[in-house]
């Protein structure tokens, strides 16, 4: 005869450890959250769950307060025709730039097309050119150990191995002149 109480306890303990072993997901850069901060000249605002950065001259950033190492980051972005923007990952300081982070660029008209949208600035040229201006696009970023894979609108733009940084902050950029919008920013940490 099966002891029902012992069976329930065993099932509960098994489910608890199964949940712990699963990858953890969270939304980033939500309105009224205190797990990120901003600095610089950009004006960041929320409207209908869309985060928009506007800049007239200079640069501005949002950065997480938590560091991440192995993860999949998914987000949607919509740049205007003049903005220089990007998604920064594994930043080893809060001073975000291509020397302290991996900068996944958002700038179709970059003067150096090897650093255009989909590139990791100064580290990896894009495998494909994807046009993103004035439309919603998807960024999917996979960072697992030293492997970095990036897709824009389901087109693979980066498949690289690099050991510059294994962990760090995540950030968003608005630089130069223009406007960029972000929405549905979700990170899943990987075991």
N, C-alpha and C. Protein backbone atom coordinates (compact mmCIF):
# COMPACT_ATOMS: atom_id res chain seq x y z
N UNK A 1 0.84 -1.18 0.00
CA UNK A 1 0.00 0.00 0.00
C UNK A 1 0.89 1.24 0.00
N UNK A 2 0.55 2.22 -0.83
CA UNK A 2 1.33 3.45 -0.96
C UNK A 2 0.89 4.44 0.11
N UNK A 3 1.88 5.03 0.75
CA UNK A 3 1.62 6.08 1.73
C UNK A 3 1.41 7.38 0.95
N UNK A 4 0.17 7.87 0.91
CA UNK A 4 -0.19 9.06 0.12
C UNK A 4 0.58 10.28 0.58
N UNK A 5 0.76 10.50 1.86
CA UNK A 5 1.48 11.67 2.36
C UNK A 5 2.94 11.64 1.91
N UNK A 6 3.59 10.49 2.01
CA UNK A 6 4.99 10.39 1.59
C UNK A 6 5.10 10.62 0.08
N UNK A 7 4.12 10.11 -0.67
CA UNK A 7 4.11 10.30 -2.12
C UNK A 7 3.98 11.78 -2.47
N UNK A 8 3.09 12.49 -1.79
CA UNK A 8 2.90 13.93 -2.04
C UNK A 8 4.17 14.71 -1.72
N UNK A 9 4.82 14.36 -0.63
CA UNK A 9 6.06 15.04 -0.25
C UNK A 9 7.15 14.79 -1.31
N UNK A 10 7.26 13.56 -1.77
CA UNK A 10 8.25 13.23 -2.80
C UNK A 10 7.98 14.00 -4.08
N UNK A 11 6.74 14.08 -4.49
CA UNK A 11 6.38 14.83 -5.70
C UNK A 11 6.70 16.31 -5.53
N UNK A 12 6.35 16.88 -4.39
CA UNK A 12 6.63 18.30 -4.14
C UNK A 12 8.13 18.59 -4.16
N UNK A 13 8.92 17.75 -3.53
CA UNK A 13 10.38 17.95 -3.51
C UNK A 13 10.93 17.83 -4.93
N UNK A 14 10.45 16.86 -5.69
CA UNK A 14 10.91 16.68 -7.07
C UNK A 14 10.58 17.90 -7.92
N UNK A 15 9.37 18.42 -7.78
CA UNK A 15 8.98 19.62 -8.54
C UNK A 15 9.81 20.83 -8.14
N UNK A 16 10.12 20.96 -6.85
CA UNK A 16 10.94 22.07 -6.37
C UNK A 16 12.31 22.06 -7.05
N UNK A 17 12.96 20.90 -7.09
CA UNK A 17 14.28 20.81 -7.72
C UNK A 17 14.21 20.96 -9.24
N UNK A 18 13.12 20.53 -9.84
CA UNK A 18 12.94 20.71 -11.28
C UNK A 18 12.83 22.20 -11.61
N UNK A 19 12.11 22.95 -10.84
CA UNK A 19 11.99 24.39 -11.04
C UNK A 19 13.34 25.07 -10.88
N UNK A 20 14.11 24.66 -9.88
CA UNK A 20 15.44 25.25 -9.67
C UNK A 20 16.37 24.98 -10.84
N UNK A 21 16.24 23.83 -11.47
CA UNK A 21 17.12 23.45 -12.57
C UNK A 21 16.75 24.17 -13.87
N UNK A 22 15.55 24.68 -13.97
CA UNK A 22 15.10 25.33 -15.21
C UNK A 22 15.74 26.70 -15.35
N UNK A 23 15.84 27.13 -16.60
CA UNK A 23 16.33 28.47 -16.86
C UNK A 23 15.34 29.49 -16.31
N UNK A 24 15.86 30.62 -15.84
CA UNK A 24 15.03 31.66 -15.23
C UNK A 24 14.85 32.82 -16.22
N UNK A 25 13.62 33.32 -16.36
CA UNK A 25 13.34 34.44 -17.27
C UNK A 25 12.83 35.63 -16.49
N UNK A 26 13.15 36.83 -17.00
CA UNK A 26 12.64 38.06 -16.41
C UNK A 26 12.59 39.15 -17.48
N UNK A 27 11.71 40.10 -17.27
CA UNK A 27 11.64 41.26 -18.15
C UNK A 27 12.61 42.31 -17.64
N UNK A 28 13.25 43.01 -18.58
CA UNK A 28 14.20 44.06 -18.23
C UNK A 28 13.66 45.43 -18.61
N UNK A 29 14.15 46.45 -17.95
CA UNK A 29 13.86 47.85 -18.25
C UNK A 29 12.35 48.13 -18.26
N UNK A 30 11.70 47.72 -17.17
CA UNK A 30 10.27 47.99 -17.02
C UNK A 30 10.07 49.34 -16.32
N UNK A 31 8.97 49.98 -16.63
CA UNK A 31 8.62 51.25 -16.01
C UNK A 31 8.44 51.05 -14.51
N UNK A 32 8.87 52.02 -13.73
CA UNK A 32 8.73 52.04 -12.27
C UNK A 32 9.49 50.91 -11.56
N UNK A 33 10.47 50.31 -12.20
CA UNK A 33 11.32 49.32 -11.55
C UNK A 33 12.60 50.01 -11.10
N UNK A 34 13.22 49.48 -10.07
CA UNK A 34 14.46 50.09 -9.58
C UNK A 34 15.67 49.19 -9.82
N UNK A 35 15.58 48.27 -10.79
CA UNK A 35 16.69 47.36 -11.08
C UNK A 35 17.54 47.82 -12.27
N UNK A 36 17.36 49.07 -12.69
CA UNK A 36 18.17 49.66 -13.74
C UNK A 36 18.33 51.15 -13.44
N UNK A 37 19.33 51.75 -14.08
CA UNK A 37 19.55 53.19 -13.90
C UNK A 37 19.88 53.81 -15.25
N UNK A 38 19.87 55.14 -15.30
CA UNK A 38 20.17 55.84 -16.55
C UNK A 38 21.24 56.89 -16.30
N UNK A 39 21.97 57.22 -17.34
CA UNK A 39 22.91 58.33 -17.27
C UNK A 39 23.11 58.90 -18.68
N UNK A 40 23.58 60.12 -18.74
CA UNK A 40 23.82 60.78 -20.02
C UNK A 40 22.72 61.75 -20.38
N UNK A 41 22.75 62.23 -21.63
CA UNK A 41 21.86 63.30 -22.08
C UNK A 41 20.54 62.82 -22.68
N UNK A 42 20.38 61.55 -22.98
CA UNK A 42 19.14 61.07 -23.60
C UNK A 42 17.96 61.21 -22.65
N UNK A 43 16.81 61.48 -23.22
CA UNK A 43 15.56 61.49 -22.45
C UNK A 43 14.85 60.16 -22.72
N UNK A 44 14.64 59.40 -21.66
CA UNK A 44 13.98 58.09 -21.77
C UNK A 44 12.58 58.21 -21.20
N UNK A 45 11.58 57.68 -21.92
CA UNK A 45 10.21 57.72 -21.42
C UNK A 45 9.46 56.47 -21.83
N UNK A 46 8.44 56.16 -21.03
CA UNK A 46 7.57 55.02 -21.29
C UNK A 46 6.21 55.51 -21.74
N UNK A 47 5.64 54.84 -22.73
CA UNK A 47 4.28 55.10 -23.17
C UNK A 47 3.72 53.79 -23.73
N UNK A 48 2.64 53.29 -23.14
CA UNK A 48 2.01 52.04 -23.58
C UNK A 48 3.01 50.88 -23.65
N UNK A 49 3.83 50.74 -22.61
CA UNK A 49 4.80 49.66 -22.47
C UNK A 49 5.92 49.72 -23.51
N UNK A 50 6.10 50.88 -24.12
CA UNK A 50 7.20 51.10 -25.07
C UNK A 50 8.16 52.10 -24.43
N UNK A 51 9.43 51.73 -24.41
CA UNK A 51 10.50 52.57 -23.87
C UNK A 51 11.16 53.30 -25.04
N UNK A 52 11.18 54.62 -24.98
CA UNK A 52 11.75 55.41 -26.07
C UNK A 52 12.86 56.32 -25.54
N UNK A 53 13.98 56.30 -26.26
CA UNK A 53 15.09 57.18 -25.97
C UNK A 53 15.19 58.23 -27.06
N UNK A 54 15.21 59.50 -26.64
CA UNK A 54 15.34 60.62 -27.58
C UNK A 54 16.59 61.40 -27.23
N UNK A 55 17.30 61.82 -28.27
CA UNK A 55 18.54 62.57 -28.06
C UNK A 55 18.69 63.61 -29.17
N UNK A 56 19.18 64.80 -28.78
CA UNK A 56 19.43 65.85 -29.78
C UNK A 56 20.91 65.97 -30.07
N UNK A 57 21.72 65.75 -29.08
CA UNK A 57 23.17 65.80 -29.25
C UNK A 57 23.79 65.18 -28.01
N UNK A 58 24.67 64.24 -28.19
CA UNK A 58 25.30 63.58 -27.06
C UNK A 58 24.96 62.11 -27.04
N UNK A 59 24.89 61.56 -25.83
CA UNK A 59 24.58 60.14 -25.70
C UNK A 59 23.97 59.88 -24.33
N UNK A 60 23.18 58.82 -24.26
CA UNK A 60 22.57 58.43 -23.00
C UNK A 60 22.36 56.93 -22.97
N UNK A 61 22.32 56.40 -21.75
CA UNK A 61 22.28 54.95 -21.57
C UNK A 61 21.34 54.56 -20.44
N UNK A 62 20.79 53.35 -20.56
CA UNK A 62 20.14 52.64 -19.46
C UNK A 62 21.00 51.42 -19.19
N UNK A 63 21.14 51.06 -17.92
CA UNK A 63 21.98 49.92 -17.57
C UNK A 63 21.36 49.15 -16.40
N UNK A 64 21.43 47.83 -16.49
CA UNK A 64 20.93 47.00 -15.39
C UNK A 64 21.84 47.15 -14.18
N UNK A 65 21.28 46.92 -13.01
CA UNK A 65 22.08 46.92 -11.79
C UNK A 65 22.66 45.54 -11.51
N UNK A 66 22.13 44.54 -12.19
CA UNK A 66 22.59 43.16 -12.03
C UNK A 66 23.48 42.78 -13.21
N UNK A 67 24.46 41.93 -12.94
CA UNK A 67 25.31 41.37 -13.99
C UNK A 67 24.74 40.03 -14.44
N UNK A 68 24.95 39.70 -15.70
CA UNK A 68 24.49 38.44 -16.28
C UNK A 68 25.65 37.78 -17.00
N UNK A 69 25.68 36.44 -17.01
CA UNK A 69 26.74 35.77 -17.76
C UNK A 69 26.18 34.96 -18.93
N UNK A 70 25.58 33.81 -18.71
CA UNK A 70 25.01 33.00 -19.80
C UNK A 70 23.52 33.30 -19.90
N UNK A 71 23.09 33.72 -21.10
CA UNK A 71 21.69 34.14 -21.24
C UNK A 71 21.26 34.17 -22.69
N UNK A 72 19.95 34.24 -22.87
CA UNK A 72 19.34 34.58 -24.14
C UNK A 72 18.54 35.84 -23.90
N UNK A 73 18.82 36.88 -24.66
CA UNK A 73 18.13 38.16 -24.56
C UNK A 73 17.32 38.37 -25.82
N UNK A 74 16.03 38.62 -25.65
CA UNK A 74 15.15 38.91 -26.78
C UNK A 74 14.51 40.27 -26.56
N UNK A 75 14.43 41.05 -27.62
CA UNK A 75 13.79 42.36 -27.53
C UNK A 75 13.35 42.81 -28.90
N UNK A 76 12.49 43.82 -28.91
CA UNK A 76 12.09 44.46 -30.16
C UNK A 76 12.59 45.90 -30.12
N UNK A 77 13.00 46.41 -31.28
CA UNK A 77 13.51 47.77 -31.36
C UNK A 77 13.04 48.44 -32.66
N UNK A 78 12.91 49.76 -32.59
CA UNK A 78 12.47 50.55 -33.74
C UNK A 78 13.31 51.83 -33.79
N UNK A 79 14.32 51.89 -34.68
CA UNK A 79 15.14 53.09 -34.78
C UNK A 79 14.63 54.02 -35.87
N UNK A 80 14.81 55.34 -35.65
CA UNK A 80 14.52 56.24 -36.75
C UNK A 80 15.74 56.26 -37.68
N UNK A 81 15.73 57.11 -38.69
CA UNK A 81 16.79 57.07 -39.70
C UNK A 81 18.09 57.74 -39.27
N UNK A 82 18.09 58.45 -38.13
CA UNK A 82 19.29 59.19 -37.75
C UNK A 82 19.97 58.69 -36.47
N UNK A 83 19.29 57.88 -35.68
CA UNK A 83 19.81 57.49 -34.36
C UNK A 83 20.99 56.52 -34.47
N UNK A 84 21.92 56.66 -33.56
CA UNK A 84 22.97 55.67 -33.33
C UNK A 84 22.60 55.01 -32.02
N UNK A 85 22.25 53.75 -32.07
CA UNK A 85 21.80 53.05 -30.88
C UNK A 85 22.50 51.71 -30.78
N UNK A 86 22.21 51.00 -29.71
CA UNK A 86 22.78 49.69 -29.55
C UNK A 86 22.31 49.01 -28.29
N UNK A 87 22.59 47.72 -28.23
CA UNK A 87 22.34 46.90 -27.05
C UNK A 87 23.72 46.46 -26.56
N UNK A 88 24.02 46.75 -25.30
CA UNK A 88 25.32 46.42 -24.72
C UNK A 88 25.15 45.23 -23.79
N UNK A 89 26.05 44.26 -23.91
CA UNK A 89 26.00 43.09 -23.05
C UNK A 89 27.36 42.84 -22.42
N UNK A 90 27.34 42.14 -21.29
CA UNK A 90 28.54 41.74 -20.57
C UNK A 90 29.49 42.92 -20.33
N UNK A 91 28.91 44.06 -19.96
CA UNK A 91 29.71 45.25 -19.66
C UNK A 91 30.42 45.04 -18.33
N UNK A 92 31.74 45.22 -18.32
CA UNK A 92 32.47 44.98 -17.08
C UNK A 92 32.57 46.22 -16.20
N UNK A 93 31.95 47.33 -16.64
CA UNK A 93 31.81 48.51 -15.79
C UNK A 93 30.52 49.22 -16.21
N UNK A 94 30.12 50.20 -15.44
CA UNK A 94 28.91 50.95 -15.79
C UNK A 94 29.18 52.00 -16.86
N UNK A 95 30.44 52.17 -17.24
CA UNK A 95 30.81 53.06 -18.34
C UNK A 95 30.73 52.26 -19.64
N UNK A 96 29.58 52.32 -20.29
CA UNK A 96 29.34 51.48 -21.46
C UNK A 96 29.99 52.06 -22.70
N UNK A 97 30.83 51.25 -23.34
CA UNK A 97 31.42 51.57 -24.63
C UNK A 97 32.00 50.28 -25.20
N UNK A 98 32.41 50.27 -26.48
CA UNK A 98 32.90 49.03 -27.09
C UNK A 98 34.17 48.46 -26.44
N UNK A 99 34.85 49.24 -25.61
CA UNK A 99 36.05 48.74 -24.94
C UNK A 99 35.73 48.02 -23.63
N UNK A 100 34.55 48.31 -23.05
CA UNK A 100 34.18 47.69 -21.77
C UNK A 100 33.01 46.72 -21.90
N UNK A 101 32.44 46.61 -23.11
CA UNK A 101 31.25 45.80 -23.35
C UNK A 101 31.30 45.19 -24.75
N UNK A 102 30.37 44.28 -24.99
CA UNK A 102 30.03 43.91 -26.36
C UNK A 102 28.91 44.86 -26.78
N UNK A 103 29.12 45.65 -27.82
CA UNK A 103 28.09 46.56 -28.32
C UNK A 103 27.48 45.99 -29.59
N UNK A 104 26.22 45.56 -29.49
CA UNK A 104 25.49 45.07 -30.65
C UNK A 104 24.78 46.27 -31.26
N UNK A 105 25.29 46.71 -32.39
CA UNK A 105 24.90 47.99 -32.94
C UNK A 105 23.50 48.00 -33.54
N UNK A 106 22.90 49.21 -33.48
CA UNK A 106 21.66 49.53 -34.18
C UNK A 106 21.93 50.86 -34.89
N UNK A 107 22.41 50.74 -36.14
CA UNK A 107 22.71 51.94 -36.92
C UNK A 107 22.96 51.50 -38.36
N UNK A 108 21.87 51.38 -39.12
CA UNK A 108 21.96 50.90 -40.50
C UNK A 108 22.92 51.73 -41.35
N UNK A 109 22.97 53.04 -41.09
CA UNK A 109 23.77 53.92 -41.95
C UNK A 109 25.13 54.27 -41.32
N UNK A 110 25.66 53.39 -40.49
CA UNK A 110 26.97 53.62 -39.88
C UNK A 110 27.98 53.92 -41.01
N UNK A 111 28.82 54.94 -40.84
CA UNK A 111 29.80 55.26 -41.88
C UNK A 111 30.74 54.08 -42.21
N UNK A 112 31.02 53.22 -41.24
CA UNK A 112 31.81 52.01 -41.45
C UNK A 112 30.83 50.84 -41.42
N UNK A 113 30.44 50.35 -42.57
CA UNK A 113 29.40 49.33 -42.64
C UNK A 113 29.78 48.01 -41.97
N UNK A 114 31.05 47.82 -41.60
CA UNK A 114 31.40 46.63 -40.83
C UNK A 114 30.90 46.75 -39.39
N UNK A 115 30.46 47.96 -39.00
CA UNK A 115 29.90 48.19 -37.66
C UNK A 115 28.42 48.56 -37.73
N UNK A 116 27.76 48.25 -38.80
CA UNK A 116 26.34 48.58 -38.97
C UNK A 116 25.46 47.72 -38.04
N UNK A 117 24.17 47.88 -38.13
CA UNK A 117 23.22 47.10 -37.34
C UNK A 117 23.54 45.61 -37.46
N UNK A 118 23.61 44.96 -36.32
CA UNK A 118 23.88 43.52 -36.29
C UNK A 118 25.33 43.19 -36.00
N UNK A 119 26.23 44.17 -36.08
CA UNK A 119 27.64 43.94 -35.77
C UNK A 119 27.86 43.99 -34.27
N UNK A 120 28.95 43.38 -33.83
CA UNK A 120 29.48 43.64 -32.49
C UNK A 120 30.63 44.61 -32.74
N UNK A 121 30.41 45.87 -32.38
CA UNK A 121 31.33 46.94 -32.74
C UNK A 121 32.77 46.60 -32.34
N UNK A 122 33.66 46.73 -33.32
CA UNK A 122 35.10 46.53 -33.16
C UNK A 122 35.48 45.08 -32.83
N UNK A 123 34.51 44.15 -32.89
CA UNK A 123 34.83 42.75 -32.56
C UNK A 123 34.36 41.76 -33.62
N UNK A 124 33.19 41.98 -34.24
CA UNK A 124 32.67 41.02 -35.22
C UNK A 124 31.79 41.74 -36.24
N UNK A 125 32.12 41.54 -37.51
CA UNK A 125 31.32 42.11 -38.60
C UNK A 125 30.04 41.31 -38.79
N UNK A 126 28.97 41.96 -39.24
CA UNK A 126 27.72 41.22 -39.44
C UNK A 126 27.83 40.25 -40.62
N UNK A 127 27.24 39.08 -40.46
CA UNK A 127 27.21 38.08 -41.52
C UNK A 127 26.19 38.44 -42.60
N UNK A 128 25.24 39.29 -42.26
CA UNK A 128 24.20 39.71 -43.21
C UNK A 128 23.79 41.14 -42.89
N UNK A 129 23.37 41.86 -43.90
CA UNK A 129 22.84 43.21 -43.70
C UNK A 129 21.33 43.14 -43.61
N UNK A 130 20.79 43.66 -42.51
CA UNK A 130 19.35 43.68 -42.29
C UNK A 130 18.92 45.13 -42.17
N UNK A 131 17.89 45.53 -42.90
CA UNK A 131 17.38 46.89 -42.85
C UNK A 131 16.37 46.99 -41.71
N UNK A 132 16.57 48.01 -40.83
CA UNK A 132 15.73 48.10 -39.63
C UNK A 132 15.07 49.47 -39.44
N UNK A 133 15.40 50.45 -40.25
CA UNK A 133 14.95 51.83 -40.02
C UNK A 133 13.43 51.96 -40.08
N UNK A 134 12.88 52.68 -39.09
CA UNK A 134 11.46 53.05 -39.02
C UNK A 134 10.50 51.87 -39.03
N UNK A 135 10.92 50.74 -38.47
CA UNK A 135 10.03 49.58 -38.35
C UNK A 135 10.41 48.79 -37.10
N UNK A 136 9.46 48.02 -36.58
CA UNK A 136 9.76 47.16 -35.44
C UNK A 136 10.57 45.96 -35.93
N UNK A 137 11.60 45.63 -35.17
CA UNK A 137 12.52 44.53 -35.48
C UNK A 137 12.74 43.71 -34.23
N UNK A 138 13.24 42.49 -34.41
CA UNK A 138 13.58 41.66 -33.26
C UNK A 138 15.09 41.47 -33.19
N UNK A 139 15.60 41.51 -31.98
CA UNK A 139 16.99 41.16 -31.69
C UNK A 139 16.91 39.92 -30.81
N UNK A 140 17.66 38.90 -31.16
CA UNK A 140 17.81 37.71 -30.31
C UNK A 140 19.30 37.52 -30.11
N UNK A 141 19.73 37.53 -28.86
CA UNK A 141 21.14 37.49 -28.52
C UNK A 141 21.37 36.29 -27.60
N UNK A 142 22.23 35.40 -28.01
CA UNK A 142 22.58 34.23 -27.21
C UNK A 142 24.04 34.36 -26.79
N UNK A 143 24.27 34.42 -25.49
CA UNK A 143 25.63 34.51 -24.92
C UNK A 143 25.80 33.32 -23.99
N UNK A 144 26.56 32.36 -24.42
CA UNK A 144 26.78 31.14 -23.62
C UNK A 144 28.28 30.86 -23.60
N UNK A 145 28.89 30.99 -22.42
CA UNK A 145 30.33 30.88 -22.26
C UNK A 145 31.00 31.87 -23.22
N UNK A 146 31.86 31.41 -24.14
CA UNK A 146 32.52 32.34 -25.07
C UNK A 146 31.81 32.43 -26.42
N UNK A 147 30.68 31.75 -26.58
CA UNK A 147 29.94 31.80 -27.84
C UNK A 147 28.93 32.94 -27.82
N UNK A 148 28.92 33.71 -28.89
CA UNK A 148 27.95 34.80 -29.08
C UNK A 148 27.25 34.58 -30.40
N UNK A 149 25.92 34.47 -30.35
CA UNK A 149 25.12 34.35 -31.57
C UNK A 149 24.05 35.43 -31.53
N UNK A 150 23.84 36.06 -32.68
CA UNK A 150 22.90 37.17 -32.76
C UNK A 150 22.04 37.01 -34.01
N UNK A 151 20.74 37.24 -33.84
CA UNK A 151 19.81 37.24 -34.95
C UNK A 151 19.03 38.55 -34.94
N UNK A 152 18.82 39.11 -36.11
CA UNK A 152 17.90 40.24 -36.27
C UNK A 152 16.83 39.77 -37.24
N UNK A 153 15.59 39.89 -36.80
CA UNK A 153 14.45 39.44 -37.61
C UNK A 153 14.68 38.02 -38.15
N UNK A 154 15.18 37.15 -37.28
CA UNK A 154 15.46 35.74 -37.58
C UNK A 154 16.59 35.52 -38.58
N UNK A 155 17.36 36.55 -38.91
CA UNK A 155 18.52 36.42 -39.77
C UNK A 155 19.77 36.42 -38.89
N UNK A 156 20.59 35.37 -39.00
CA UNK A 156 21.81 35.28 -38.22
C UNK A 156 22.80 36.35 -38.68
N UNK A 157 23.21 37.23 -37.76
CA UNK A 157 24.18 38.27 -38.10
C UNK A 157 25.53 38.05 -37.43
N UNK A 158 25.57 37.31 -36.33
CA UNK A 158 26.82 37.04 -35.62
C UNK A 158 26.82 35.59 -35.15
N UNK A 159 27.94 34.91 -35.39
CA UNK A 159 28.20 33.59 -34.83
C UNK A 159 29.69 33.58 -34.53
N UNK A 160 30.05 33.95 -33.31
CA UNK A 160 31.46 34.19 -32.97
C UNK A 160 31.82 33.58 -31.63
N UNK A 161 33.09 33.32 -31.49
CA UNK A 161 33.66 32.90 -30.21
C UNK A 161 34.56 34.04 -29.75
N UNK A 162 34.39 34.48 -28.50
CA UNK A 162 35.18 35.58 -27.98
C UNK A 162 35.20 35.48 -26.46
N UNK A 163 36.37 35.62 -25.88
CA UNK A 163 36.49 35.47 -24.43
C UNK A 163 36.79 36.79 -23.73
N UNK A 164 36.50 37.92 -24.38
CA UNK A 164 36.75 39.24 -23.79
C UNK A 164 36.09 39.38 -22.42
N UNK A 165 34.81 39.03 -22.32
CA UNK A 165 34.09 39.18 -21.06
C UNK A 165 33.05 38.07 -20.93
N UNK A 166 33.02 37.42 -19.77
CA UNK A 166 32.08 36.32 -19.55
C UNK A 166 30.85 36.74 -18.75
N UNK A 167 30.87 37.93 -18.18
CA UNK A 167 29.75 38.39 -17.38
C UNK A 167 29.71 39.91 -17.40
N UNK A 168 28.57 40.47 -17.06
CA UNK A 168 28.49 41.93 -16.98
C UNK A 168 27.07 42.44 -17.06
N UNK A 169 26.99 43.77 -17.04
CA UNK A 169 25.71 44.48 -17.11
C UNK A 169 25.16 44.45 -18.53
N UNK A 170 23.87 44.77 -18.65
CA UNK A 170 23.21 44.91 -19.95
C UNK A 170 22.71 46.34 -20.05
N UNK A 171 22.86 46.92 -21.24
CA UNK A 171 22.45 48.31 -21.40
C UNK A 171 21.84 48.60 -22.76
N UNK A 172 21.17 49.75 -22.83
CA UNK A 172 20.59 50.28 -24.06
C UNK A 172 21.17 51.67 -24.30
N UNK A 173 21.28 52.06 -25.56
CA UNK A 173 21.92 53.31 -25.93
C UNK A 173 21.05 54.15 -26.85
N UNK A 174 21.13 55.47 -26.66
CA UNK A 174 20.62 56.47 -27.61
C UNK A 174 21.74 57.49 -27.76
N UNK A 175 22.25 57.65 -28.99
CA UNK A 175 23.43 58.50 -29.20
C UNK A 175 23.26 59.32 -30.47
N UNK A 176 23.85 60.50 -30.46
CA UNK A 176 23.84 61.34 -31.65
C UNK A 176 22.62 62.22 -31.70
N UNK A 177 21.73 61.91 -32.63
CA UNK A 177 20.51 62.68 -32.83
C UNK A 177 19.41 61.74 -33.32
N UNK A 178 18.28 61.74 -32.65
CA UNK A 178 17.18 60.90 -33.13
C UNK A 178 16.42 60.22 -32.02
N UNK A 179 15.75 59.13 -32.41
CA UNK A 179 14.86 58.43 -31.49
C UNK A 179 14.94 56.93 -31.75
N UNK A 180 14.93 56.15 -30.67
CA UNK A 180 14.87 54.70 -30.76
C UNK A 180 13.88 54.21 -29.70
N UNK A 181 13.10 53.21 -30.06
CA UNK A 181 12.13 52.63 -29.14
C UNK A 181 12.43 51.15 -28.93
N UNK A 182 12.13 50.69 -27.72
CA UNK A 182 12.32 49.28 -27.35
C UNK A 182 11.05 48.77 -26.68
N UNK A 183 10.79 47.49 -26.82
CA UNK A 183 9.68 46.86 -26.11
C UNK A 183 9.95 45.36 -25.97
N UNK A 184 9.20 44.73 -25.08
CA UNK A 184 9.27 43.28 -24.87
C UNK A 184 10.71 42.80 -24.66
N UNK A 185 11.39 43.42 -23.72
CA UNK A 185 12.79 43.08 -23.43
C UNK A 185 12.80 41.97 -22.38
N UNK A 186 13.24 40.79 -22.78
CA UNK A 186 13.17 39.63 -21.88
C UNK A 186 14.49 38.88 -21.92
N UNK A 187 14.99 38.56 -20.74
CA UNK A 187 16.22 37.79 -20.62
C UNK A 187 15.92 36.46 -19.95
N UNK A 188 16.51 35.41 -20.48
CA UNK A 188 16.44 34.09 -19.88
C UNK A 188 17.85 33.67 -19.52
N UNK A 189 18.10 33.49 -18.23
CA UNK A 189 19.43 33.05 -17.82
C UNK A 189 19.55 31.56 -18.09
N UNK A 190 20.72 31.16 -18.55
CA UNK A 190 20.96 29.77 -18.93
C UNK A 190 21.91 29.11 -17.95
N UNK A 191 21.68 27.85 -17.68
CA UNK A 191 22.55 27.08 -16.78
C UNK A 191 23.78 26.61 -17.53
